[in-house]
């Protein structure tokens, strides 16, 4: 018994260290994002802007450009990471990420339709993206439901729906005027360029409301990892819990996507990276959320200043995530498993 207790304490200490280090790295990345750019502003100027003081030059560059961009990077990263690991844990499948199963694609198709066909912008595009993401999530859930939802079946249905939605998006883009095409492609790539508080506030509000719902269900989510029958034996109301988790996770993905576009593979990568860092045992929700925030912050900074030319954040995360997706599929095939 003492060995078991020591193991639990060791895992708890490791988890605390990982969360603390991730928090420090996010705070450091946030500070660097505000200070570094074409013009460097010292910490005193940045703090003055945040406190509401008028600092010549910095008030506009930091307060109007860099600060909302950095806040949106953190909010979107937290949302993608939290939602992605919720799906992966609940369905016991690392491929069960909103990037893969069509939810992000649904939001993208809705936003593209709003931009190209309806000539909407701002809030109108966000509304279509959120509604489309929720509708696609419901469709995938209903099509994959058969005496419960199996992770492999939902992934395959989601991949099929995503392929169909990508075709619809390509058809809409093919008919777009030049200006609408540029705007739609910028959004579909996943970009924080031009981020403003009008995009930050809805995404941050959704995170503040929905993240506690997921975190409060962390124990039930861990029970679902053991299988529906085991979870039910442990007192979890499986269907009700799964519905709550899906609605909250899809809401986070939809609002984050509406604000920043479908930033590729952040939801897909955050959970596995957090699992490697934390080790076995314990909920991955908070570590994965922090990993997501760090990924978006670092990828956006790298896309702006470290690659010789400027790339949207979604291009950088796509380059990181695509090889891991191929590796995961190959590993699953060699192990004789199925999706």
C-alpha atoms as a PDB file:
ATOM      1  CA  UNK A   1       0.000   0.000   0.000  1.00  0.00           C
ATOM      2  CA  UNK A   2       2.850   2.387   0.798  1.00  0.00           C
ATOM      3  CA  UNK A   3       4.345   1.746  -2.653  1.00  0.00           C
ATOM      4  CA  UNK A   4       1.007   2.651  -4.246  1.00  0.00           C
ATOM      5  CA  UNK A   5       0.809   5.829  -2.171  1.00  0.00           C
ATOM      6  CA  UNK A   6       4.378   6.773  -3.117  1.00  0.00           C
ATOM      7  CA  UNK A   7       3.548   6.204  -6.782  1.00  0.00           C
ATOM      8  CA  UNK A   8       0.517   8.460  -6.539  1.00  0.00           C
ATOM      9  CA  UNK A   9       2.503  11.191  -4.812  1.00  0.00           C
ATOM     10  CA  UNK A  10       5.235  10.944  -7.456  1.00  0.00           C
ATOM     11  CA  UNK A  11       2.670  11.232 -10.261  1.00  0.00           C
ATOM     12  CA  UNK A  12       1.050  14.176  -8.481  1.00  0.00           C
ATOM     13  CA  UNK A  13       4.399  15.960  -8.138  1.00  0.00           C
ATOM     14  CA  UNK A  14       5.229  15.325 -11.798  1.00  0.00           C
ATOM     15  CA  UNK A  15       1.847  16.658 -12.857  1.00  0.00           C
ATOM     16  CA  UNK A  16       2.268  19.783 -10.722  1.00  0.00           C
ATOM     17  CA  UNK A  17       5.753  20.404 -12.124  1.00  0.00           C
ATOM     18  CA  UNK A  18       4.522  19.997 -15.731  1.00  0.00           C
ATOM     19  CA  UNK A  19       1.591  22.366 -15.193  1.00  0.00           C
ATOM     20  CA  UNK A  20       3.837  24.924 -13.483  1.00  0.00           C
ATOM     21  CA  UNK A  21       6.480  24.791 -16.227  1.00  0.00           C
ATOM     22  CA  UNK A  22       3.842  25.082 -18.954  1.00  0.00           C
ATOM     23  CA  UNK A  23       2.329  28.076 -17.168  1.00  0.00           C
ATOM     24  CA  UNK A  24       5.721  29.771 -16.903  1.00  0.00           C
ATOM     25  CA  UNK A  25       6.471  29.086 -20.598  1.00  0.00           C
ATOM     26  CA  UNK A  26       3.094  30.522 -21.630  1.00  0.00           C
ATOM     27  CA  UNK A  27       3.672  33.650 -19.525  1.00  0.00           C
ATOM     28  CA  UNK A  28       7.151  34.022 -21.039  1.00  0.00           C
ATOM     29  CA  UNK A  29       5.868  33.529 -24.586  1.00  0.00           C
ATOM     30  CA  UNK A  30       3.068  36.011 -23.951  1.00  0.00           C
ATOM     31  CA  UNK A  31       5.540  38.626 -22.701  1.00  0.00           C
ATOM     32  CA  UNK A  32       7.908  38.071 -25.632  1.00  0.00           C
ATOM     33  CA  UNK A  33       5.026  38.389 -28.084  1.00  0.00           C
ATOM     34  CA  UNK A  34       4.130  41.783 -26.632  1.00  0.00           C
ATOM     35  CA  UNK A  35       7.702  43.105 -26.531  1.00  0.00           C
ATOM     36  CA  UNK A  36       9.253  41.780 -29.752  1.00  0.00           C
ATOM     37  CA  UNK A  37       8.375  42.860 -33.281  1.00  0.00           C
ATOM     38  CA  UNK A  38       9.567  45.328 -35.848  1.00  0.00           C
ATOM     39  CA  UNK A  39       9.953  47.653 -32.858  1.00  0.00           C
ATOM     40  CA  UNK A  40      11.107  46.391 -29.474  1.00  0.00           C
ATOM     41  CA  UNK A  41       9.308  47.770 -26.426  1.00  0.00           C
ATOM     42  CA  UNK A  42      10.838  47.250 -22.965  1.00  0.00           C
ATOM     43  CA  UNK A  43       8.810  45.553 -20.209  1.00  0.00           C
ATOM     44  CA  UNK A  44       8.058  48.901 -18.535  1.00  0.00           C
ATOM     45  CA  UNK A  45       6.312  50.221 -21.642  1.00  0.00           C
ATOM     46  CA  UNK A  46       4.344  47.005 -22.088  1.00  0.00           C
ATOM     47  CA  UNK A  47       3.203  46.975 -18.465  1.00  0.00           C
ATOM     48  CA  UNK A  48       2.237  50.641 -18.755  1.00  0.00           C
ATOM     49  CA  UNK A  49       0.042  49.907 -21.776  1.00  0.00           C
ATOM     50  CA  UNK A  50      -1.627  46.974 -20.014  1.00  0.00           C
ATOM     51  CA  UNK A  51      -2.329  49.229 -17.009  1.00  0.00           C
ATOM     52  CA  UNK A  52      -3.981  51.766 -19.301  1.00  0.00           C
ATOM     53  CA  UNK A  53      -1.291  54.437 -19.405  1.00  0.00           C
ATOM     54  CA  UNK A  54      -0.620  56.361 -22.604  1.00  0.00           C
ATOM     55  CA  UNK A  55       2.824  55.305 -23.873  1.00  0.00           C
ATOM     56  CA  UNK A  56       3.811  56.978 -27.175  1.00  0.00           C
ATOM     57  CA  UNK A  57       4.057  54.381 -29.926  1.00  0.00           C
ATOM     58  CA  UNK A  58       3.482  51.432 -27.618  1.00  0.00           C
ATOM     59  CA  UNK A  59      -0.155  52.305 -26.887  1.00  0.00           C
ATOM     60  CA  UNK A  60      -1.078  51.594 -30.493  1.00  0.00           C
ATOM     61  CA  UNK A  61       1.395  48.848 -31.396  1.00  0.00           C
ATOM     62  CA  UNK A  62       1.106  46.907 -28.156  1.00  0.00           C
ATOM     63  CA  UNK A  63      -2.401  47.838 -27.056  1.00  0.00           C
ATOM     64  CA  UNK A  64      -4.196  47.654 -30.421  1.00  0.00           C
ATOM     65  CA  UNK A  65      -2.129  45.101 -32.356  1.00  0.00           C
ATOM     66  CA  UNK A  66      -0.013  42.809 -30.211  1.00  0.00           C
ATOM     67  CA  UNK A  67      -2.121  42.453 -27.052  1.00  0.00           C
ATOM     68  CA  UNK A  68      -5.374  41.216 -28.649  1.00  0.00           C
ATOM     69  CA  UNK A  69      -3.333  38.926 -30.914  1.00  0.00           C
ATOM     70  CA  UNK A  70      -1.511  37.373 -27.947  1.00  0.00           C
ATOM     71  CA  UNK A  71      -4.703  37.015 -25.903  1.00  0.00           C
ATOM     72  CA  UNK A  72      -6.482  35.363 -28.837  1.00  0.00           C
ATOM     73  CA  UNK A  73      -3.537  32.970 -29.283  1.00  0.00           C
ATOM     74  CA  UNK A  74      -3.844  31.869 -25.650  1.00  0.00           C
ATOM     75  CA  UNK A  75      -7.649  31.651 -25.695  1.00  0.00           C
ATOM     76  CA  UNK A  76      -7.758  29.720 -28.985  1.00  0.00           C
ATOM     77  CA  UNK A  77      -4.951  27.402 -27.867  1.00  0.00           C
ATOM     78  CA  UNK A  78      -6.635  26.648 -24.545  1.00  0.00           C
ATOM     79  CA  UNK A  79      -9.937  25.968 -26.322  1.00  0.00           C
ATOM     80  CA  UNK A  80      -8.455  23.725 -29.020  1.00  0.00           C
ATOM     81  CA  UNK A  81      -6.327  21.781 -26.554  1.00  0.00           C
ATOM     82  CA  UNK A  82      -9.154  21.266 -24.074  1.00  0.00           C
ATOM     83  CA  UNK A  83     -11.707  20.237 -26.694  1.00  0.00           C
ATOM     84  CA  UNK A  84      -9.292  17.974 -28.571  1.00  0.00           C
ATOM     85  CA  UNK A  85      -8.240  15.926 -25.559  1.00  0.00           C
ATOM     86  CA  UNK A  86     -11.881  15.645 -24.465  1.00  0.00           C
ATOM     87  CA  UNK A  87     -12.797  13.897 -27.721  1.00  0.00           C
ATOM     88  CA  UNK A  88      -9.671  11.735 -27.725  1.00  0.00           C
ATOM     89  CA  UNK A  89     -10.187  10.582 -24.143  1.00  0.00           C
ATOM     90  CA  UNK A  90     -13.932  10.098 -24.374  1.00  0.00           C
ATOM     91  CA  UNK A  91     -13.721   8.022 -27.569  1.00  0.00           C
ATOM     92  CA  UNK A  92     -10.452   6.293 -26.625  1.00  0.00           C
ATOM     93  CA  UNK A  93      -8.921   7.114 -29.984  1.00  0.00           C
ATOM     94  CA  UNK A  94      -6.078   9.612 -30.670  1.00  0.00           C
ATOM     95  CA  UNK A  95      -7.578  10.301 -34.105  1.00  0.00           C
ATOM     96  CA  UNK A  96     -10.873  11.458 -32.594  1.00  0.00           C
ATOM     97  CA  UNK A  97      -9.884  15.115 -32.804  1.00  0.00           C
ATOM     98  CA  UNK A  98     -12.074  17.929 -34.151  1.00  0.00           C
ATOM     99  CA  UNK A  99      -9.426  18.469 -36.853  1.00  0.00           C
ATOM    100  CA  UNK A 100      -9.949  14.930 -38.128  1.00  0.00           C
ATOM    101  CA  UNK A 101     -13.641  14.207 -37.607  1.00  0.00           C
ATOM    102  CA  UNK A 102     -15.058  17.133 -39.542  1.00  0.00           C
ATOM    103  CA  UNK A 103     -16.024  19.699 -36.907  1.00  0.00           C
ATOM    104  CA  UNK A 104     -13.352  22.185 -37.952  1.00  0.00           C
ATOM    105  CA  UNK A 105     -14.163  21.479 -41.593  1.00  0.00           C
ATOM    106  CA  UNK A 106     -17.823  22.242 -40.908  1.00  0.00           C
ATOM    107  CA  UNK A 107     -16.978  25.573 -39.334  1.00  0.00           C
ATOM    108  CA  UNK A 108     -14.708  26.328 -42.298  1.00  0.00           C
ATOM    109  CA  UNK A 109     -17.397  25.557 -44.862  1.00  0.00           C
ATOM    110  CA  UNK A 110     -19.905  27.734 -43.045  1.00  0.00           C
ATOM    111  CA  UNK A 111     -17.472  30.631 -42.830  1.00  0.00           C
ATOM    112  CA  UNK A 112     -16.502  30.279 -46.493  1.00  0.00           C
ATOM    113  CA  UNK A 113     -20.159  30.319 -47.520  1.00  0.00           C
ATOM    114  CA  UNK A 114     -20.730  33.447 -45.417  1.00  0.00           C
ATOM    115  CA  UNK A 115     -17.697  35.243 -46.916  1.00  0.00           C
ATOM    116  CA  UNK A 116     -18.058  34.261 -50.569  1.00  0.00           C
ATOM    117  CA  UNK A 117     -21.774  33.765 -51.160  1.00  0.00           C
ATOM    118  CA  UNK A 118     -23.335  36.122 -48.609  1.00  0.00           C
ATOM    119  CA  UNK A 119     -20.517  38.728 -48.560  1.00  0.00           C
ATOM    120  CA  UNK A 120     -20.567  38.812 -44.768  1.00  0.00           C
ATOM    121  CA  UNK A 121     -17.711  39.743 -42.474  1.00  0.00           C
ATOM    122  CA  UNK A 122     -16.928  39.932 -38.772  1.00  0.00           C
ATOM    123  CA  UNK A 123     -19.787  38.744 -36.569  1.00  0.00           C
ATOM    124  CA  UNK A 124     -21.753  37.302 -39.486  1.00  0.00           C
ATOM    125  CA  UNK A 125     -18.893  34.992 -40.445  1.00  0.00           C
ATOM    126  CA  UNK A 126     -18.474  33.932 -36.817  1.00  0.00           C
ATOM    127  CA  UNK A 127     -22.161  33.079 -36.477  1.00  0.00           C
ATOM    128  CA  UNK A 128     -22.079  30.878 -39.588  1.00  0.00           C
ATOM    129  CA  UNK A 129     -18.859  29.178 -38.433  1.00  0.00           C
ATOM    130  CA  UNK A 130     -20.296  28.398 -34.985  1.00  0.00           C
ATOM    131  CA  UNK A 131     -23.638  27.170 -36.339  1.00  0.00           C
ATOM    132  CA  UNK A 132     -21.956  25.004 -38.977  1.00  0.00           C
ATOM    133  CA  UNK A 133     -19.544  23.452 -36.484  1.00  0.00           C
ATOM    134  CA  UNK A 134     -22.391  22.561 -34.130  1.00  0.00           C
ATOM    135  CA  UNK A 135     -24.513  21.162 -36.971  1.00  0.00           C
ATOM    136  CA  UNK A 136     -21.702  18.970 -38.293  1.00  0.00           C
ATOM    137  CA  UNK A 137     -20.942  17.668 -34.801  1.00  0.00           C
ATOM    138  CA  UNK A 138     -24.603  16.690 -34.395  1.00  0.00           C
ATOM    139  CA  UNK A 139     -24.658  15.024 -37.827  1.00  0.00           C
ATOM    140  CA  UNK A 140     -21.503  13.007 -37.142  1.00  0.00           C
ATOM    141  CA  UNK A 141     -22.843  11.949 -33.750  1.00  0.00           C
ATOM    142  CA  UNK A 142     -26.191  10.814 -35.152  1.00  0.00           C
ATOM    143  CA  UNK A 143     -24.665   8.937 -38.092  1.00  0.00           C
ATOM    144  CA  UNK A 144     -22.198   7.109 -35.854  1.00  0.00           C
ATOM    145  CA  UNK A 145     -24.694   6.251 -33.092  1.00  0.00           C
ATOM    146  CA  UNK A 146     -25.666   2.607 -32.900  1.00  0.00           C
ATOM    147  CA  UNK A 147     -26.355   1.368 -29.384  1.00  0.00           C
ATOM    148  CA  UNK A 148     -23.794   3.921 -28.274  1.00  0.00           C
ATOM    149  CA  UNK A 149     -20.971   5.720 -30.016  1.00  0.00           C
ATOM    150  CA  UNK A 150     -17.835   3.737 -30.817  1.00  0.00           C
ATOM    151  CA  UNK A 151     -14.685   5.789 -31.270  1.00  0.00           C
ATOM    152  CA  UNK A 152     -13.583   4.059 -34.483  1.00  0.00           C
ATOM    153  CA  UNK A 153     -17.000   4.397 -36.108  1.00  0.00           C
ATOM    154  CA  UNK A 154     -17.250   8.086 -35.225  1.00  0.00           C
ATOM    155  CA  UNK A 155     -13.761   8.743 -36.627  1.00  0.00           C
ATOM    156  CA  UNK A 156     -14.576   7.051 -39.929  1.00  0.00           C
ATOM    157  CA  UNK A 157     -17.907   8.861 -40.260  1.00  0.00           C
ATOM    158  CA  UNK A 158     -16.201  12.135 -39.368  1.00  0.00           C
ATOM    159  CA  UNK A 159     -13.454  11.637 -41.952  1.00  0.00           C
ATOM    160  CA  UNK A 160     -16.093  10.976 -44.620  1.00  0.00           C
ATOM    161  CA  UNK A 161     -18.086  14.067 -43.651  1.00  0.00           C
ATOM    162  CA  UNK A 162     -14.894  16.145 -43.594  1.00  0.00           C
ATOM    163  CA  UNK A 163     -13.979  15.014 -47.115  1.00  0.00           C
ATOM    164  CA  UNK A 164     -17.431  16.003 -48.355  1.00  0.00           C
ATOM    165  CA  UNK A 165     -17.201  19.392 -46.653  1.00  0.00           C
ATOM    166  CA  UNK A 166     -13.755  20.069 -48.120  1.00  0.00           C
ATOM    167  CA  UNK A 167     -15.196  19.419 -51.565  1.00  0.00           C
ATOM    168  CA  UNK A 168     -18.035  21.865 -50.933  1.00  0.00           C
ATOM    169  CA  UNK A 169     -15.552  24.452 -49.670  1.00  0.00           C
ATOM    170  CA  UNK A 170     -13.371  24.000 -52.778  1.00  0.00           C
ATOM    171  CA  UNK A 171     -16.427  24.465 -55.012  1.00  0.00           C
ATOM    172  CA  UNK A 172     -17.381  27.685 -53.224  1.00  0.00           C
ATOM    173  CA  UNK A 173     -13.813  29.005 -53.479  1.00  0.00           C
ATOM    174  CA  UNK A 174     -13.730  28.162 -57.181  1.00  0.00           C
ATOM    175  CA  UNK A 175     -16.622  30.576 -57.748  1.00  0.00           C
ATOM    176  CA  UNK A 176     -15.261  33.336 -55.501  1.00  0.00           C
ATOM    177  CA  UNK A 177     -14.214  36.811 -56.574  1.00  0.00           C
ATOM    178  CA  UNK A 178     -10.559  37.659 -56.052  1.00  0.00           C
ATOM    179  CA  UNK A 179     -11.049  39.711 -52.883  1.00  0.00           C
ATOM    180  CA  UNK A 180     -13.419  37.185 -51.287  1.00  0.00           C
ATOM    181  CA  UNK A 181     -11.037  34.366 -52.248  1.00  0.00           C
ATOM    182  CA  UNK A 182      -8.131  36.005 -50.432  1.00  0.00           C
ATOM    183  CA  UNK A 183     -10.215  36.649 -47.325  1.00  0.00           C
ATOM    184  CA  UNK A 184     -11.638  33.112 -47.260  1.00  0.00           C
ATOM    185  CA  UNK A 185      -8.224  31.481 -47.760  1.00  0.00           C
ATOM    186  CA  UNK A 186      -6.702  33.610 -45.002  1.00  0.00           C
ATOM    187  CA  UNK A 187      -9.452  32.517 -42.650  1.00  0.00           C
ATOM    188  CA  UNK A 188      -9.292  28.826 -43.677  1.00  0.00           C
ATOM    189  CA  UNK A 189      -5.539  28.718 -43.107  1.00  0.00           C
ATOM    190  CA  UNK A 190      -5.952  29.743 -39.490  1.00  0.00           C
ATOM    191  CA  UNK A 191      -4.501  33.151 -38.784  1.00  0.00           C
ATOM    192  CA  UNK A 192      -4.202  35.679 -35.979  1.00  0.00           C
ATOM    193  CA  UNK A 193      -3.439  38.516 -38.381  1.00  0.00           C
ATOM    194  CA  UNK A 194      -5.728  41.457 -37.738  1.00  0.00           C
ATOM    195  CA  UNK A 195      -6.975  39.994 -34.440  1.00  0.00           C
ATOM    196  CA  UNK A 196      -9.035  42.493 -32.472  1.00  0.00           C
ATOM    197  CA  UNK A 197     -11.007  42.545 -29.258  1.00  0.00           C
ATOM    198  CA  UNK A 198     -14.233  41.969 -31.175  1.00  0.00           C
ATOM    199  CA  UNK A 199     -12.903  38.481 -32.011  1.00  0.00           C
ATOM    200  CA  UNK A 200     -11.357  37.853 -28.592  1.00  0.00           C
ATOM    201  CA  UNK A 201     -14.414  38.572 -26.434  1.00  0.00           C
ATOM    202  CA  UNK A 202     -16.801  35.851 -27.775  1.00  0.00           C
ATOM    203  CA  UNK A 203     -14.063  33.188 -27.752  1.00  0.00           C
ATOM    204  CA  UNK A 204     -12.940  34.172 -24.248  1.00  0.00           C
ATOM    205  CA  UNK A 205     -16.532  34.190 -23.001  1.00  0.00           C
ATOM    206  CA  UNK A 206     -17.132  30.699 -24.413  1.00  0.00           C
ATOM    207  CA  UNK A 207     -13.924  29.486 -22.752  1.00  0.00           C
ATOM    208  CA  UNK A 208     -14.908  30.998 -19.403  1.00  0.00           C
ATOM    209  CA  UNK A 209     -18.344  29.323 -19.546  1.00  0.00           C
ATOM    210  CA  UNK A 210     -17.523  25.930 -21.086  1.00  0.00           C
ATOM    211  CA  UNK A 211     -14.075  25.103 -19.696  1.00  0.00           C
ATOM    212  CA  UNK A 212     -15.430  24.729 -16.116  1.00  0.00           C
ATOM    213  CA  UNK A 213     -18.065  22.314 -17.465  1.00  0.00           C
ATOM    214  CA  UNK A 214     -15.367  20.054 -18.896  1.00  0.00           C
ATOM    215  CA  UNK A 215     -13.062  20.367 -15.908  1.00  0.00           C
ATOM    216  CA  UNK A 216     -15.923  19.515 -13.544  1.00  0.00           C
ATOM    217  CA  UNK A 217     -16.514  16.317 -15.531  1.00  0.00           C
ATOM    218  CA  UNK A 218     -12.848  15.259 -15.487  1.00  0.00           C
ATOM    219  CA  UNK A 219     -13.567  12.253 -13.256  1.00  0.00           C
ATOM    220  CA  UNK A 220     -16.420  11.033 -15.462  1.00  0.00           C
ATOM    221  CA  UNK A 221     -14.251  11.544 -18.545  1.00  0.00           C
ATOM    222  CA  UNK A 222     -11.492   9.385 -17.054  1.00  0.00           C
ATOM    223  CA  UNK A 223     -14.097   6.714 -16.289  1.00  0.00           C
ATOM    224  CA  UNK A 224     -15.265   6.743 -19.921  1.00  0.00           C
ATOM    225  CA  UNK A 225     -11.677   5.957 -20.930  1.00  0.00           C
ATOM    226  CA  UNK A 226     -12.205   2.528 -19.319  1.00  0.00           C
ATOM    227  CA  UNK A 227     -15.209   1.743 -21.523  1.00  0.00           C
ATOM    228  CA  UNK A 228     -18.925   2.405 -21.305  1.00  0.00           C
ATOM    229  CA  UNK A 229     -19.762  -0.684 -19.238  1.00  0.00           C
ATOM    230  CA  UNK A 230     -17.060  -0.008 -16.668  1.00  0.00           C
ATOM    231  CA  UNK A 231     -18.014   3.677 -16.491  1.00  0.00           C
ATOM    232  CA  UNK A 232     -21.668   2.754 -15.938  1.00  0.00           C
ATOM    233  CA  UNK A 233     -20.639   0.317 -13.187  1.00  0.00           C
ATOM    234  CA  UNK A 234     -18.766   3.178 -11.528  1.00  0.00           C
ATOM    235  CA  UNK A 235     -21.940   5.248 -11.468  1.00  0.00           C
ATOM    236  CA  UNK A 236     -21.425   7.398 -14.553  1.00  0.00           C
ATOM    237  CA  UNK A 237     -24.528   8.183 -16.597  1.00  0.00           C
ATOM    238  CA  UNK A 238     -22.787   7.428 -19.865  1.00  0.00           C
ATOM    239  CA  UNK A 239     -25.084   8.874 -22.530  1.00  0.00           C
ATOM    240  CA  UNK A 240     -25.869  12.016 -20.560  1.00  0.00           C
ATOM    241  CA  UNK A 241     -22.214  12.608 -19.687  1.00  0.00           C
ATOM    242  CA  UNK A 242     -21.068  12.048 -23.263  1.00  0.00           C
ATOM    243  CA  UNK A 243     -23.684  14.493 -24.554  1.00  0.00           C
ATOM    244  CA  UNK A 244     -22.579  17.189 -22.085  1.00  0.00           C
ATOM    245  CA  UNK A 245     -18.925  16.651 -22.981  1.00  0.00           C
ATOM    246  CA  UNK A 246     -19.586  16.786 -26.722  1.00  0.00           C
ATOM    247  CA  UNK A 247     -21.697  19.941 -26.530  1.00  0.00           C
ATOM    248  CA  UNK A 248     -19.114  21.748 -24.371  1.00  0.00           C
ATOM    249  CA  UNK A 249     -16.155  20.626 -26.499  1.00  0.00           C
ATOM    250  CA  UNK A 250     -17.862  21.478 -29.784  1.00  0.00           C
ATOM    251  CA  UNK A 251     -18.830  24.886 -28.400  1.00  0.00           C
ATOM    252  CA  UNK A 252     -15.184  25.603 -27.543  1.00  0.00           C
ATOM    253  CA  UNK A 253     -13.977  24.480 -30.976  1.00  0.00           C
ATOM    254  CA  UNK A 254     -16.652  26.443 -32.810  1.00  0.00           C
ATOM    255  CA  UNK A 255     -16.061  29.739 -31.009  1.00  0.00           C
ATOM    256  CA  UNK A 256     -12.271  29.420 -31.227  1.00  0.00           C
ATOM    257  CA  UNK A 257     -12.499  28.570 -34.930  1.00  0.00           C
ATOM    258  CA  UNK A 258     -14.839  31.486 -35.534  1.00  0.00           C
ATOM    259  CA  UNK A 259     -12.270  33.822 -33.948  1.00  0.00           C
ATOM    260  CA  UNK A 260      -9.011  32.492 -35.390  1.00  0.00           C
ATOM    261  CA  UNK A 261      -9.920  30.066 -38.149  1.00  0.00           C
ATOM    262  CA  UNK A 262      -9.339  26.299 -38.002  1.00  0.00           C
ATOM    263  CA  UNK A 263      -5.725  26.377 -36.766  1.00  0.00           C
ATOM    264  CA  UNK A 264      -4.522  22.997 -37.954  1.00  0.00           C
ATOM    265  CA  UNK A 265      -3.661  20.129 -35.628  1.00  0.00           C
ATOM    266  CA  UNK A 266      -3.545  22.047 -32.321  1.00  0.00           C
ATOM    267  CA  UNK A 267      -6.485  20.038 -30.977  1.00  0.00           C
ATOM    268  CA  UNK A 268      -4.917  16.889 -32.426  1.00  0.00           C
ATOM    269  CA  UNK A 269      -1.427  17.363 -30.953  1.00  0.00           C
ATOM    270  CA  UNK A 270      -2.151  18.830 -27.528  1.00  0.00           C
ATOM    271  CA  UNK A 271      -3.478  15.663 -25.891  1.00  0.00           C
ATOM    272  CA  UNK A 272      -0.669  13.290 -26.959  1.00  0.00           C
ATOM    273  CA  UNK A 273       2.010  15.837 -26.016  1.00  0.00           C
ATOM    274  CA  UNK A 274       0.388  16.380 -22.609  1.00  0.00           C
ATOM    275  CA  UNK A 275       0.154  12.614 -22.071  1.00  0.00           C
ATOM    276  CA  UNK A 276       3.882  12.229 -22.738  1.00  0.00           C
ATOM    277  CA  UNK A 277       4.716  15.058 -20.354  1.00  0.00           C
ATOM    278  CA  UNK A 278       2.414  14.100 -17.483  1.00  0.00           C
ATOM    279  CA  UNK A 279       2.676  10.322 -17.741  1.00  0.00           C
ATOM    280  CA  UNK A 280      -0.012   7.779 -16.865  1.00  0.00           C
ATOM    281  CA  UNK A 281      -2.786   8.563 -14.433  1.00  0.00           C
ATOM    282  CA  UNK A 282      -4.731  11.741 -13.811  1.00  0.00           C
ATOM    283  CA  UNK A 283      -6.783  13.971 -16.051  1.00  0.00           C
ATOM    284  CA  UNK A 284      -5.150  15.430 -19.168  1.00  0.00           C
ATOM    285  CA  UNK A 285      -7.622  18.302 -19.534  1.00  0.00           C
ATOM    286  CA  UNK A 286      -5.608  21.105 -17.937  1.00  0.00           C
ATOM    287  CA  UNK A 287      -2.180  19.985 -19.242  1.00  0.00           C
ATOM    288  CA  UNK A 288      -3.541  19.613 -22.789  1.00  0.00           C
ATOM    289  CA  UNK A 289      -5.161  23.048 -22.625  1.00  0.00           C
ATOM    290  CA  UNK A 290      -1.843  24.595 -21.569  1.00  0.00           C
ATOM    291  CA  UNK A 291       0.035  22.716 -24.297  1.00  0.00           C
ATOM    292  CA  UNK A 292      -2.459  24.048 -26.852  1.00  0.00           C
ATOM    293  CA  UNK A 293      -1.949  27.633 -25.692  1.00  0.00           C
ATOM    294  CA  UNK A 294       1.837  27.249 -25.829  1.00  0.00           C
ATOM    295  CA  UNK A 295       1.684  25.674 -29.293  1.00  0.00           C
ATOM    296  CA  UNK A 296      -0.337  28.543 -30.756  1.00  0.00           C
ATOM    297  CA  UNK A 297       1.795  31.229 -29.097  1.00  0.00           C
ATOM    298  CA  UNK A 298       5.102  29.706 -30.252  1.00  0.00           C
ATOM    299  CA  UNK A 299       3.833  28.832 -33.745  1.00  0.00           C
ATOM    300  CA  UNK A 300       2.470  32.327 -34.286  1.00  0.00           C
ATOM    301  CA  UNK A 301       5.719  33.947 -33.150  1.00  0.00           C
ATOM    302  CA  UNK A 302       7.753  31.582 -35.333  1.00  0.00           C
ATOM    303  CA  UNK A 303       5.502  32.279 -38.308  1.00  0.00           C
ATOM    304  CA  UNK A 304       6.010  36.022 -37.894  1.00  0.00           C
ATOM    305  CA  UNK A 305       9.725  36.325 -37.155  1.00  0.00           C
ATOM    306  CA  UNK A 306      11.737  33.081 -37.310  1.00  0.00           C
ATOM    307  CA  UNK A 307      11.155  31.599 -40.778  1.00  0.00           C
ATOM    308  CA  UNK A 308      12.477  34.273 -43.103  1.00  0.00           C
ATOM    309  CA  UNK A 309       9.034  35.259 -44.335  1.00  0.00           C
ATOM    310  CA  UNK A 310       5.684  35.640 -42.592  1.00  0.00           C
ATOM    311  CA  UNK A 311       3.388  32.627 -42.384  1.00  0.00           C
ATOM    312  CA  UNK A 312      -0.039  32.346 -40.749  1.00  0.00           C
ATOM    313  CA  UNK A 313      -0.039  30.334 -37.540  1.00  0.00           C
ATOM    314  CA  UNK A 314      -2.053  27.548 -39.196  1.00  0.00           C
ATOM    315  CA  UNK A 315       0.725  26.893 -41.710  1.00  0.00           C
ATOM    316  CA  UNK A 316       3.274  26.360 -38.922  1.00  0.00           C
ATOM    317  CA  UNK A 317       1.031  24.070 -36.855  1.00  0.00           C
ATOM    318  CA  UNK A 318       0.104  22.157 -40.017  1.00  0.00           C
ATOM    319  CA  UNK A 319       3.768  21.455 -40.713  1.00  0.00           C
ATOM    320  CA  UNK A 320       4.133  20.179 -37.146  1.00  0.00           C
ATOM    321  CA  UNK A 321       0.963  18.089 -37.081  1.00  0.00           C
ATOM    322  CA  UNK A 322       0.909  16.380 -40.475  1.00  0.00           C
ATOM    323  CA  UNK A 323       3.970  14.137 -39.850  1.00  0.00           C
ATOM    324  CA  UNK A 324       2.541  13.031 -36.502  1.00  0.00           C
ATOM    325  CA  UNK A 325      -0.762  12.118 -38.159  1.00  0.00           C
ATOM    326  CA  UNK A 326       1.063   9.951 -40.723  1.00  0.00           C
ATOM    327  CA  UNK A 327       3.139   8.363 -37.940  1.00  0.00           C
ATOM    328  CA  UNK A 328       0.043   7.596 -35.881  1.00  0.00           C
ATOM    329  CA  UNK A 329      -1.756   5.936 -38.801  1.00  0.00           C
ATOM    330  CA  UNK A 330       1.312   3.853 -39.696  1.00  0.00           C
ATOM    331  CA  UNK A 331       1.835   2.805 -36.070  1.00  0.00           C
ATOM    332  CA  UNK A 332      -1.810   1.776 -35.729  1.00  0.00           C
ATOM    333  CA  UNK A 333      -1.636  -0.254 -38.953  1.00  0.00           C
ATOM    334  CA  UNK A 334       1.577  -2.036 -37.916  1.00  0.00           C
ATOM    335  CA  UNK A 335       0.086  -2.882 -34.550  1.00  0.00           C
ATOM    336  CA  UNK A 336      -2.786  -4.595 -36.313  1.00  0.00           C
ATOM    337  CA  UNK A 337      -5.309  -2.142 -34.922  1.00  0.00           C
ATOM    338  CA  UNK A 338      -8.068  -0.221 -36.606  1.00  0.00           C
ATOM    339  CA  UNK A 339      -9.223   3.351 -36.450  1.00  0.00           C
END
